[in-house]
């Protein structure tokens, strides 16, 4: 098992790779609070279903929901497109489906990161079959240079370069999701 060593407060070492702080816990929480206010204003008087994409979005969704002031429901999808790799396999596999009735409902998809857009394209096509009233997408991170699918991301926390990031729900071979900040692979 790779050992995580703190070299400096803003650098961690995983095996032979070094990661440096990209977004601090404070920056993340501040932006999430702003997003929560904006989404709450947009959904005033409605009863949206917030749908988290597991496993990565669980930390973001938890903190975002603490900043949502409208009455709502929650549910989760679990997908796999990465496995243990740093890049997507190019295939999406549905591991857990939703439990809610989606017809005529306002759906808000919560994702940790949108890279190529493959997973979100898959999910939105799947959800449109249920005839919801609306579908909006929320992503903490988005890589504009990597986007290959025509999807509209309605709420973006941070636009980031096409680099590998971990922490705050984002994993490397299913590990390091528990880091409070987001770290980027140092080249």
N, C-alpha and C. Protein backbone atom coordinates (compact mmCIF):
# COMPACT_ATOMS: atom_id res chain seq x y z
N UNK A 1 0.85 -1.19 0.00
CA UNK A 1 0.00 0.00 0.00
C UNK A 1 0.89 1.23 0.00
N UNK A 2 0.52 2.20 -0.85
CA UNK A 2 1.29 3.44 -0.92
C UNK A 2 1.14 4.23 0.37
N UNK A 3 2.23 4.74 0.85
CA UNK A 3 2.22 5.56 2.05
C UNK A 3 2.07 7.02 1.64
N UNK A 4 1.23 7.73 2.37
CA UNK A 4 1.05 9.16 2.11
C UNK A 4 1.90 9.90 3.12
N UNK A 5 2.86 10.68 2.65
CA UNK A 5 3.74 11.44 3.53
C UNK A 5 3.54 12.93 3.28
N UNK A 6 3.41 13.69 4.35
CA UNK A 6 3.31 15.14 4.21
C UNK A 6 4.72 15.70 4.18
N UNK A 7 5.09 16.34 3.06
CA UNK A 7 6.41 16.95 2.93
C UNK A 7 6.35 18.39 3.43
N UNK A 8 5.42 19.14 2.92
CA UNK A 8 5.10 20.48 3.38
C UNK A 8 3.60 20.50 3.57
N UNK A 9 3.10 21.55 4.16
CA UNK A 9 1.67 21.63 4.37
C UNK A 9 0.91 21.50 3.06
N UNK A 10 1.46 22.00 1.97
CA UNK A 10 0.73 21.98 0.72
C UNK A 10 1.22 20.93 -0.29
N UNK A 11 2.00 19.96 0.12
CA UNK A 11 2.49 18.92 -0.78
C UNK A 11 2.34 17.55 -0.11
N UNK A 12 1.88 16.56 -0.88
CA UNK A 12 1.84 15.18 -0.38
C UNK A 12 2.53 14.29 -1.39
N UNK A 13 3.04 13.18 -0.90
CA UNK A 13 3.74 12.22 -1.74
C UNK A 13 2.99 10.90 -1.66
N UNK A 14 2.66 10.34 -2.82
CA UNK A 14 1.99 9.04 -2.89
C UNK A 14 2.88 8.15 -3.74
N UNK A 15 3.53 7.21 -3.08
CA UNK A 15 4.51 6.40 -3.79
C UNK A 15 5.61 7.31 -4.32
N UNK A 16 5.81 7.31 -5.62
CA UNK A 16 6.85 8.16 -6.22
C UNK A 16 6.27 9.45 -6.81
N UNK A 17 4.96 9.63 -6.70
CA UNK A 17 4.32 10.82 -7.28
C UNK A 17 4.08 11.88 -6.22
N UNK A 18 4.25 13.14 -6.63
CA UNK A 18 4.03 14.26 -5.72
C UNK A 18 2.80 15.04 -6.18
N UNK A 19 1.98 15.41 -5.19
CA UNK A 19 0.78 16.21 -5.43
C UNK A 19 0.90 17.48 -4.60
N UNK A 20 0.49 18.58 -5.19
CA UNK A 20 0.52 19.87 -4.49
C UNK A 20 -0.90 20.41 -4.36
N UNK A 21 -1.14 21.20 -3.33
CA UNK A 21 -2.46 21.77 -3.11
C UNK A 21 -2.87 22.59 -4.31
N UNK A 22 -4.07 22.31 -4.79
CA UNK A 22 -4.63 23.05 -5.91
C UNK A 22 -5.75 23.96 -5.42
N UNK A 23 -6.65 23.42 -4.59
CA UNK A 23 -7.73 24.20 -3.97
C UNK A 23 -7.76 23.86 -2.50
N UNK A 24 -7.68 24.85 -1.67
CA UNK A 24 -7.68 24.62 -0.22
C UNK A 24 -9.09 24.33 0.27
N UNK A 25 -9.18 23.78 1.45
CA UNK A 25 -10.47 23.50 2.08
C UNK A 25 -11.30 24.78 2.16
N UNK A 26 -10.67 25.88 2.51
CA UNK A 26 -11.37 27.16 2.65
C UNK A 26 -11.92 27.64 1.31
N UNK A 27 -11.12 27.53 0.25
CA UNK A 27 -11.59 27.94 -1.09
C UNK A 27 -12.77 27.09 -1.53
N UNK A 28 -12.70 25.81 -1.29
CA UNK A 28 -13.77 24.88 -1.68
C UNK A 28 -15.06 25.24 -0.94
N UNK A 29 -14.96 25.38 0.38
CA UNK A 29 -16.16 25.65 1.19
C UNK A 29 -16.79 27.00 0.85
N UNK A 30 -15.99 27.99 0.58
CA UNK A 30 -16.51 29.31 0.21
C UNK A 30 -17.29 29.24 -1.10
N UNK A 31 -16.73 28.54 -2.08
CA UNK A 31 -17.41 28.44 -3.38
C UNK A 31 -18.68 27.62 -3.26
N UNK A 32 -18.67 26.56 -2.45
CA UNK A 32 -19.86 25.73 -2.26
C UNK A 32 -20.98 26.55 -1.61
N UNK A 33 -20.65 27.39 -0.66
CA UNK A 33 -21.66 28.25 -0.02
C UNK A 33 -22.31 29.16 -1.06
N UNK A 34 -21.50 29.73 -1.95
CA UNK A 34 -22.04 30.58 -3.02
C UNK A 34 -22.95 29.78 -3.95
N UNK A 35 -22.52 28.59 -4.31
CA UNK A 35 -23.32 27.74 -5.19
C UNK A 35 -24.65 27.36 -4.53
N UNK A 36 -24.60 27.05 -3.25
CA UNK A 36 -25.81 26.70 -2.51
C UNK A 36 -26.83 27.83 -2.51
N UNK A 37 -26.35 29.05 -2.32
CA UNK A 37 -27.26 30.21 -2.35
C UNK A 37 -27.89 30.37 -3.73
N UNK A 38 -27.07 30.27 -4.78
CA UNK A 38 -27.57 30.43 -6.14
C UNK A 38 -28.59 29.35 -6.50
N UNK A 39 -28.30 28.11 -6.18
CA UNK A 39 -29.21 27.01 -6.49
C UNK A 39 -30.51 27.16 -5.69
N UNK A 40 -30.41 27.55 -4.43
CA UNK A 40 -31.60 27.74 -3.59
C UNK A 40 -32.50 28.83 -4.17
N UNK A 41 -31.91 29.91 -4.65
CA UNK A 41 -32.70 30.98 -5.28
C UNK A 41 -33.39 30.45 -6.54
N UNK A 42 -32.68 29.69 -7.34
CA UNK A 42 -33.23 29.18 -8.59
C UNK A 42 -34.35 28.16 -8.38
N UNK A 43 -34.34 27.46 -7.26
CA UNK A 43 -35.35 26.44 -7.00
C UNK A 43 -36.37 26.84 -5.94
N UNK A 44 -36.45 28.11 -5.62
CA UNK A 44 -37.45 28.60 -4.66
C UNK A 44 -38.84 28.20 -5.14
N UNK A 45 -39.63 27.63 -4.24
CA UNK A 45 -40.99 27.23 -4.58
C UNK A 45 -41.11 25.91 -5.32
N UNK A 46 -39.99 25.23 -5.54
CA UNK A 46 -40.00 23.93 -6.22
C UNK A 46 -39.50 22.86 -5.25
N UNK A 47 -39.72 21.60 -5.61
CA UNK A 47 -39.25 20.48 -4.80
C UNK A 47 -38.31 19.63 -5.65
N UNK A 48 -37.04 20.06 -5.79
CA UNK A 48 -36.11 19.32 -6.63
C UNK A 48 -35.63 18.02 -5.98
N UNK A 49 -35.15 17.12 -6.83
CA UNK A 49 -34.45 15.93 -6.36
C UNK A 49 -32.98 16.13 -6.70
N UNK A 50 -32.14 16.17 -5.70
CA UNK A 50 -30.69 16.26 -5.89
C UNK A 50 -30.17 14.84 -6.03
N UNK A 51 -29.47 14.59 -7.13
CA UNK A 51 -28.99 13.24 -7.43
C UNK A 51 -27.47 13.24 -7.46
N UNK A 52 -26.87 12.62 -6.47
CA UNK A 52 -25.41 12.53 -6.38
C UNK A 52 -24.89 11.37 -7.19
N UNK A 53 -23.71 11.58 -7.78
CA UNK A 53 -23.05 10.53 -8.55
C UNK A 53 -21.93 9.96 -7.67
N UNK A 54 -22.16 8.74 -7.21
CA UNK A 54 -21.21 8.09 -6.31
C UNK A 54 -20.06 7.48 -7.11
N UNK A 55 -18.87 7.35 -6.53
CA UNK A 55 -18.54 7.66 -5.16
C UNK A 55 -18.04 9.11 -5.01
N UNK A 56 -17.53 9.67 -6.07
CA UNK A 56 -16.79 10.92 -5.98
C UNK A 56 -17.55 12.11 -5.45
N UNK A 57 -18.84 12.23 -5.75
CA UNK A 57 -19.57 13.45 -5.39
C UNK A 57 -20.08 13.46 -3.96
N UNK A 58 -19.86 12.40 -3.19
CA UNK A 58 -20.47 12.33 -1.87
C UNK A 58 -20.05 13.46 -0.94
N UNK A 59 -18.77 13.85 -0.94
CA UNK A 59 -18.32 14.93 -0.04
C UNK A 59 -18.88 16.27 -0.51
N UNK A 60 -18.79 16.53 -1.80
CA UNK A 60 -19.31 17.77 -2.37
C UNK A 60 -20.81 17.87 -2.13
N UNK A 61 -21.54 16.81 -2.41
CA UNK A 61 -22.99 16.85 -2.23
C UNK A 61 -23.35 17.08 -0.77
N UNK A 62 -22.66 16.43 0.13
CA UNK A 62 -22.93 16.62 1.56
C UNK A 62 -22.78 18.08 1.95
N UNK A 63 -21.67 18.69 1.56
CA UNK A 63 -21.45 20.09 1.91
C UNK A 63 -22.39 21.04 1.16
N UNK A 64 -22.68 20.72 -0.09
CA UNK A 64 -23.61 21.55 -0.86
C UNK A 64 -25.00 21.52 -0.22
N UNK A 65 -25.46 20.35 0.18
CA UNK A 65 -26.80 20.23 0.75
C UNK A 65 -26.93 21.02 2.05
N UNK A 66 -25.84 21.19 2.77
CA UNK A 66 -25.87 22.00 3.99
C UNK A 66 -26.09 23.47 3.67
N UNK A 67 -25.90 23.85 2.41
CA UNK A 67 -26.08 25.24 1.97
C UNK A 67 -27.33 25.42 1.12
N UNK A 68 -28.14 24.39 0.96
CA UNK A 68 -29.39 24.46 0.20
C UNK A 68 -30.51 24.77 1.19
N UNK A 69 -31.29 25.78 0.89
CA UNK A 69 -32.33 26.21 1.83
C UNK A 69 -33.74 25.83 1.38
N UNK A 70 -33.90 25.25 0.20
CA UNK A 70 -35.23 24.83 -0.26
C UNK A 70 -35.48 23.39 0.15
N UNK A 71 -36.76 23.06 0.30
CA UNK A 71 -37.12 21.69 0.58
C UNK A 71 -36.75 20.84 -0.63
N UNK A 72 -36.26 19.64 -0.41
CA UNK A 72 -35.78 18.83 -1.52
C UNK A 72 -35.73 17.36 -1.12
N UNK A 73 -35.46 16.54 -2.12
CA UNK A 73 -35.22 15.12 -1.91
C UNK A 73 -33.82 14.81 -2.42
N UNK A 74 -33.30 13.65 -2.04
CA UNK A 74 -31.97 13.23 -2.49
C UNK A 74 -32.00 11.75 -2.91
N UNK A 75 -31.17 11.46 -3.88
CA UNK A 75 -30.99 10.08 -4.33
C UNK A 75 -29.58 9.98 -4.92
N UNK A 76 -29.18 8.76 -5.29
CA UNK A 76 -27.82 8.56 -5.78
C UNK A 76 -27.77 7.56 -6.93
N UNK A 77 -26.89 7.88 -7.88
CA UNK A 77 -26.46 6.95 -8.92
C UNK A 77 -25.07 6.49 -8.53
N UNK A 78 -24.71 5.30 -8.92
CA UNK A 78 -23.32 4.89 -8.82
C UNK A 78 -22.90 4.38 -10.19
N UNK A 79 -21.86 5.01 -10.72
CA UNK A 79 -21.33 4.66 -12.03
C UNK A 79 -19.87 4.31 -11.91
N UNK A 80 -19.36 3.68 -12.95
CA UNK A 80 -17.93 3.45 -13.04
C UNK A 80 -17.49 3.71 -14.47
N UNK A 81 -16.46 4.55 -14.62
CA UNK A 81 -15.87 4.75 -15.95
C UNK A 81 -14.35 4.83 -15.87
N UNK A 82 -13.80 4.85 -14.64
CA UNK A 82 -12.36 4.98 -14.46
C UNK A 82 -11.69 3.71 -13.98
N UNK A 83 -12.36 2.94 -13.14
CA UNK A 83 -11.69 1.79 -12.51
C UNK A 83 -10.60 2.33 -11.60
N UNK A 84 -9.40 1.78 -11.71
CA UNK A 84 -8.28 2.22 -10.88
C UNK A 84 -7.30 3.11 -11.65
N UNK A 85 -7.71 3.61 -12.78
CA UNK A 85 -6.81 4.38 -13.64
C UNK A 85 -6.97 5.89 -13.45
N UNK A 86 -6.03 6.64 -14.03
CA UNK A 86 -6.08 8.10 -13.99
C UNK A 86 -6.90 8.67 -15.13
N UNK A 87 -7.20 7.85 -16.13
CA UNK A 87 -8.00 8.30 -17.26
C UNK A 87 -9.20 7.38 -17.43
N UNK A 88 -10.27 7.92 -18.01
CA UNK A 88 -11.50 7.16 -18.20
C UNK A 88 -11.27 5.98 -19.14
N UNK A 89 -11.99 4.90 -18.87
CA UNK A 89 -11.93 3.72 -19.73
C UNK A 89 -12.68 3.96 -21.03
N UNK A 90 -13.53 4.99 -21.07
CA UNK A 90 -14.34 5.27 -22.25
C UNK A 90 -15.67 4.54 -22.24
N UNK A 91 -15.92 3.77 -21.19
CA UNK A 91 -17.18 3.05 -21.04
C UNK A 91 -17.78 3.39 -19.68
N UNK A 92 -19.11 3.52 -19.64
CA UNK A 92 -19.81 3.81 -18.39
C UNK A 92 -20.60 2.58 -18.00
N UNK A 93 -20.50 2.22 -16.74
CA UNK A 93 -21.24 1.08 -16.21
C UNK A 93 -22.09 1.58 -15.04
N UNK A 94 -23.41 1.31 -15.09
CA UNK A 94 -24.33 1.69 -14.02
C UNK A 94 -24.26 0.63 -12.92
N UNK A 95 -23.85 1.04 -11.72
CA UNK A 95 -23.70 0.12 -10.60
C UNK A 95 -24.86 0.23 -9.60
N UNK A 96 -25.50 1.43 -9.51
CA UNK A 96 -26.66 1.64 -8.63
C UNK A 96 -27.60 2.60 -9.31
N UNK A 97 -28.85 2.21 -9.44
CA UNK A 97 -29.87 3.05 -10.07
C UNK A 97 -30.61 3.85 -8.99
N UNK A 98 -31.46 4.76 -9.43
CA UNK A 98 -32.24 5.61 -8.53
C UNK A 98 -33.46 4.87 -7.99
N UNK A 99 -33.97 5.38 -6.86
CA UNK A 99 -35.17 4.81 -6.25
C UNK A 99 -36.40 5.70 -6.45
N UNK A 100 -36.21 6.95 -6.86
CA UNK A 100 -37.29 7.94 -6.93
C UNK A 100 -38.04 7.88 -8.25
N UNK A 101 -39.31 8.31 -8.21
CA UNK A 101 -40.11 8.52 -9.42
C UNK A 101 -39.70 9.88 -9.98
N UNK A 102 -39.26 9.93 -11.22
CA UNK A 102 -38.66 11.15 -11.79
C UNK A 102 -39.60 11.92 -12.72
N UNK A 103 -40.73 11.34 -13.08
CA UNK A 103 -41.64 11.99 -14.03
C UNK A 103 -42.10 13.34 -13.50
N UNK A 104 -41.95 14.37 -14.34
CA UNK A 104 -42.37 15.75 -14.03
C UNK A 104 -41.64 16.35 -12.82
N UNK A 105 -40.49 15.83 -12.47
CA UNK A 105 -39.73 16.35 -11.33
C UNK A 105 -38.54 17.18 -11.83
N UNK A 106 -38.08 18.09 -10.98
CA UNK A 106 -36.89 18.89 -11.27
C UNK A 106 -35.68 18.14 -10.72
N UNK A 107 -34.81 17.71 -11.61
CA UNK A 107 -33.64 16.92 -11.22
C UNK A 107 -32.40 17.79 -11.24
N UNK A 108 -31.60 17.67 -10.19
CA UNK A 108 -30.34 18.40 -10.09
C UNK A 108 -29.24 17.36 -9.89
N UNK A 109 -28.44 17.15 -10.93
CA UNK A 109 -27.36 16.16 -10.87
C UNK A 109 -26.13 16.77 -10.24
N UNK A 110 -25.56 16.08 -9.26
CA UNK A 110 -24.39 16.56 -8.53
C UNK A 110 -23.20 15.68 -8.86
N UNK A 111 -22.17 16.30 -9.44
CA UNK A 111 -20.97 15.57 -9.84
C UNK A 111 -19.74 16.24 -9.23
N UNK A 112 -18.72 15.44 -8.91
CA UNK A 112 -17.49 16.01 -8.37
C UNK A 112 -16.67 16.68 -9.46
N UNK A 113 -16.56 16.01 -10.62
CA UNK A 113 -15.73 16.54 -11.71
C UNK A 113 -16.31 16.11 -13.05
N UNK A 114 -16.31 17.02 -13.99
CA UNK A 114 -16.68 16.69 -15.36
C UNK A 114 -15.44 16.86 -16.20
N UNK A 115 -15.02 15.74 -16.74
CA UNK A 115 -13.80 15.65 -17.52
C UNK A 115 -14.19 15.63 -18.99
N UNK A 116 -14.35 14.48 -19.58
CA UNK A 116 -14.76 14.39 -20.99
C UNK A 116 -16.25 14.65 -21.14
N UNK A 117 -17.03 14.39 -20.07
CA UNK A 117 -18.48 14.53 -20.12
C UNK A 117 -19.19 13.23 -20.43
N UNK A 118 -18.43 12.15 -20.60
CA UNK A 118 -18.99 10.85 -20.93
C UNK A 118 -20.05 10.40 -19.92
N UNK A 119 -19.71 10.41 -18.65
CA UNK A 119 -20.65 9.95 -17.62
C UNK A 119 -21.90 10.81 -17.58
N UNK A 120 -21.73 12.12 -17.65
CA UNK A 120 -22.88 13.02 -17.58
C UNK A 120 -23.76 12.88 -18.82
N UNK A 121 -23.17 12.67 -19.98
CA UNK A 121 -23.94 12.44 -21.19
C UNK A 121 -24.77 11.17 -21.03
N UNK A 122 -24.16 10.13 -20.52
CA UNK A 122 -24.84 8.86 -20.28
C UNK A 122 -26.02 9.05 -19.32
N UNK A 123 -25.78 9.74 -18.20
CA UNK A 123 -26.81 9.93 -17.18
C UNK A 123 -27.97 10.77 -17.72
N UNK A 124 -27.67 11.88 -18.39
CA UNK A 124 -28.75 12.75 -18.86
C UNK A 124 -29.61 12.03 -19.91
N UNK A 125 -28.98 11.26 -20.78
CA UNK A 125 -29.77 10.50 -21.76
C UNK A 125 -30.68 9.49 -21.04
N UNK A 126 -30.16 8.83 -20.03
CA UNK A 126 -30.92 7.86 -19.24
C UNK A 126 -32.09 8.53 -18.53
N UNK A 127 -31.83 9.69 -17.92
CA UNK A 127 -32.87 10.38 -17.16
C UNK A 127 -33.96 10.98 -18.04
N UNK A 128 -33.63 11.42 -19.23
CA UNK A 128 -34.63 12.00 -20.13
C UNK A 128 -35.72 11.00 -20.48
N UNK A 129 -35.41 9.72 -20.44
CA UNK A 129 -36.40 8.67 -20.70
C UNK A 129 -37.52 8.67 -19.66
N UNK A 130 -37.25 9.22 -18.45
CA UNK A 130 -38.24 9.27 -17.36
C UNK A 130 -39.13 10.51 -17.44
N UNK A 131 -38.89 11.36 -18.42
CA UNK A 131 -39.68 12.58 -18.66
C UNK A 131 -39.74 13.52 -17.44
N UNK A 132 -38.58 13.94 -16.95
CA UNK A 132 -38.57 14.91 -15.84
C UNK A 132 -38.99 16.30 -16.34
N UNK A 133 -39.37 17.17 -15.41
CA UNK A 133 -39.71 18.56 -15.76
C UNK A 133 -38.46 19.30 -16.22
N UNK A 134 -37.34 19.03 -15.55
CA UNK A 134 -36.07 19.67 -15.93
C UNK A 134 -34.90 18.86 -15.39
N UNK A 135 -33.75 19.06 -16.03
CA UNK A 135 -32.50 18.46 -15.56
C UNK A 135 -31.45 19.56 -15.56
N UNK A 136 -30.83 19.79 -14.41
CA UNK A 136 -29.72 20.73 -14.31
C UNK A 136 -28.51 19.97 -13.78
N UNK A 137 -27.32 20.45 -14.15
CA UNK A 137 -26.08 19.80 -13.76
C UNK A 137 -25.25 20.73 -12.89
N UNK A 138 -24.78 20.20 -11.77
CA UNK A 138 -23.89 20.91 -10.86
C UNK A 138 -22.60 20.11 -10.78
N UNK A 139 -21.46 20.77 -10.98
CA UNK A 139 -20.18 20.08 -10.84
C UNK A 139 -19.21 20.96 -10.07
N UNK A 140 -18.55 20.38 -9.10
CA UNK A 140 -17.55 21.14 -8.36
C UNK A 140 -16.42 21.56 -9.28
N UNK A 141 -15.94 20.61 -10.09
CA UNK A 141 -14.83 20.88 -11.00
C UNK A 141 -15.24 20.57 -12.43
N UNK A 142 -14.65 21.31 -13.36
CA UNK A 142 -14.90 21.07 -14.78
C UNK A 142 -13.61 21.35 -15.52
N UNK A 143 -13.27 20.45 -16.46
CA UNK A 143 -12.07 20.60 -17.29
C UNK A 143 -12.51 20.99 -18.70
N UNK A 144 -12.58 22.29 -19.01
CA UNK A 144 -13.05 22.72 -20.33
C UNK A 144 -12.26 22.12 -21.49
N UNK A 145 -10.94 21.97 -21.32
CA UNK A 145 -10.09 21.43 -22.40
C UNK A 145 -10.39 19.97 -22.71
N UNK A 146 -10.98 19.25 -21.76
CA UNK A 146 -11.22 17.81 -21.91
C UNK A 146 -12.62 17.48 -22.40
N UNK A 147 -13.55 18.44 -22.32
CA UNK A 147 -14.95 18.18 -22.63
C UNK A 147 -15.13 17.74 -24.09
N UNK A 148 -15.74 16.56 -24.27
CA UNK A 148 -15.94 16.02 -25.62
C UNK A 148 -17.41 15.84 -25.97
N UNK A 149 -18.28 16.00 -24.98
CA UNK A 149 -19.71 15.80 -25.19
C UNK A 149 -20.44 17.13 -25.05
N UNK A 150 -21.54 17.25 -25.78
CA UNK A 150 -22.33 18.49 -25.77
C UNK A 150 -23.29 18.46 -24.58
N UNK A 151 -22.78 18.85 -23.43
CA UNK A 151 -23.61 18.92 -22.24
C UNK A 151 -23.52 20.33 -21.65
N UNK A 152 -24.62 20.77 -21.07
CA UNK A 152 -24.65 22.09 -20.45
C UNK A 152 -24.48 21.91 -18.95
N UNK A 153 -23.44 22.50 -18.41
CA UNK A 153 -23.20 22.44 -16.98
C UNK A 153 -23.73 23.76 -16.40
N UNK A 154 -24.77 23.65 -15.60
CA UNK A 154 -25.49 24.84 -15.13
C UNK A 154 -24.81 25.55 -13.97
N UNK A 155 -24.14 24.81 -13.12
CA UNK A 155 -23.45 25.39 -11.96
C UNK A 155 -22.06 24.75 -11.88
N UNK A 156 -21.04 25.58 -11.99
CA UNK A 156 -19.65 25.09 -11.96
C UNK A 156 -18.94 25.74 -10.79
N UNK A 157 -18.33 24.89 -9.96
CA UNK A 157 -17.55 25.41 -8.84
C UNK A 157 -16.26 26.06 -9.33
N UNK A 158 -15.45 25.27 -10.03
CA UNK A 158 -14.15 25.74 -10.52
C UNK A 158 -13.86 25.12 -11.88
N UNK A 159 -13.41 25.93 -12.82
CA UNK A 159 -12.88 25.41 -14.08
C UNK A 159 -11.39 25.19 -13.85
N UNK A 160 -10.92 23.99 -14.21
CA UNK A 160 -9.53 23.64 -13.93
C UNK A 160 -8.84 23.15 -15.21
N UNK A 161 -7.51 23.18 -15.23
CA UNK A 161 -6.79 22.66 -16.39
C UNK A 161 -6.91 21.13 -16.46
N UNK A 162 -6.52 20.58 -17.58
CA UNK A 162 -6.60 19.14 -17.80
C UNK A 162 -5.46 18.43 -17.07
N UNK A 163 -5.57 18.38 -15.75
CA UNK A 163 -4.57 17.73 -14.90
C UNK A 163 -5.27 16.77 -13.96
N UNK A 164 -4.52 15.78 -13.47
CA UNK A 164 -5.07 14.78 -12.56
C UNK A 164 -5.14 15.35 -11.14
N UNK A 165 -6.33 15.29 -10.55
CA UNK A 165 -6.54 15.83 -9.20
C UNK A 165 -7.11 14.76 -8.28
N UNK A 166 -6.79 14.90 -6.99
CA UNK A 166 -7.29 13.98 -5.97
C UNK A 166 -7.71 14.78 -4.74
N UNK A 167 -8.46 14.11 -3.89
CA UNK A 167 -8.89 14.71 -2.63
C UNK A 167 -10.31 15.23 -2.72
N UNK A 168 -10.90 15.46 -1.57
CA UNK A 168 -12.26 15.97 -1.45
C UNK A 168 -13.23 15.15 -2.32
N UNK A 169 -13.16 13.83 -2.17
CA UNK A 169 -14.03 12.93 -2.90
C UNK A 169 -13.42 12.34 -4.16
N UNK A 170 -12.42 13.01 -4.70
CA UNK A 170 -11.75 12.54 -5.92
C UNK A 170 -10.69 11.52 -5.53
N UNK A 171 -10.66 10.41 -6.25
CA UNK A 171 -9.78 9.31 -5.83
C UNK A 171 -8.65 9.04 -6.79
N UNK A 172 -7.73 8.25 -6.30
CA UNK A 172 -6.66 7.64 -7.09
C UNK A 172 -6.70 6.17 -6.69
N UNK A 173 -7.20 5.31 -7.57
CA UNK A 173 -7.36 3.88 -7.29
C UNK A 173 -8.19 3.67 -6.02
N UNK A 174 -9.28 4.43 -5.91
CA UNK A 174 -10.24 4.37 -4.80
C UNK A 174 -9.71 4.89 -3.46
N UNK A 175 -8.55 5.51 -3.45
CA UNK A 175 -7.98 6.04 -2.21
C UNK A 175 -7.88 7.57 -2.31
N UNK A 176 -7.63 8.20 -1.16
CA UNK A 176 -7.35 9.63 -1.01
C UNK A 176 -8.58 10.52 -1.15
N UNK A 177 -9.77 9.93 -1.16
CA UNK A 177 -11.00 10.73 -1.21
C UNK A 177 -11.16 11.58 0.05
N UNK A 178 -10.58 11.15 1.14
CA UNK A 178 -10.78 11.79 2.44
C UNK A 178 -9.93 13.04 2.66
N UNK A 179 -9.10 13.43 1.72
CA UNK A 179 -8.32 14.65 1.87
C UNK A 179 -9.25 15.85 1.84
N UNK A 180 -9.04 16.83 2.72
CA UNK A 180 -9.94 17.98 2.83
C UNK A 180 -9.75 19.01 1.72
N UNK A 181 -8.59 19.02 1.12
CA UNK A 181 -8.29 19.93 0.01
C UNK A 181 -8.21 19.11 -1.28
N UNK A 182 -8.08 19.80 -2.40
CA UNK A 182 -7.88 19.13 -3.68
C UNK A 182 -6.44 19.34 -4.10
N UNK A 183 -5.79 18.24 -4.47
CA UNK A 183 -4.37 18.26 -4.84
C UNK A 183 -4.24 17.92 -6.31
N UNK A 184 -3.23 18.48 -6.96
CA UNK A 184 -2.97 18.23 -8.37
C UNK A 184 -1.63 17.51 -8.49
N UNK A 185 -1.56 16.58 -9.44
CA UNK A 185 -0.31 15.87 -9.69
C UNK A 185 0.74 16.86 -10.18
N UNK A 186 1.87 16.88 -9.50
CA UNK A 186 2.96 17.79 -9.85
C UNK A 186 3.81 17.13 -10.93
N UNK A 187 4.08 17.86 -12.00
CA UNK A 187 4.82 17.31 -13.13
C UNK A 187 6.30 17.62 -12.97
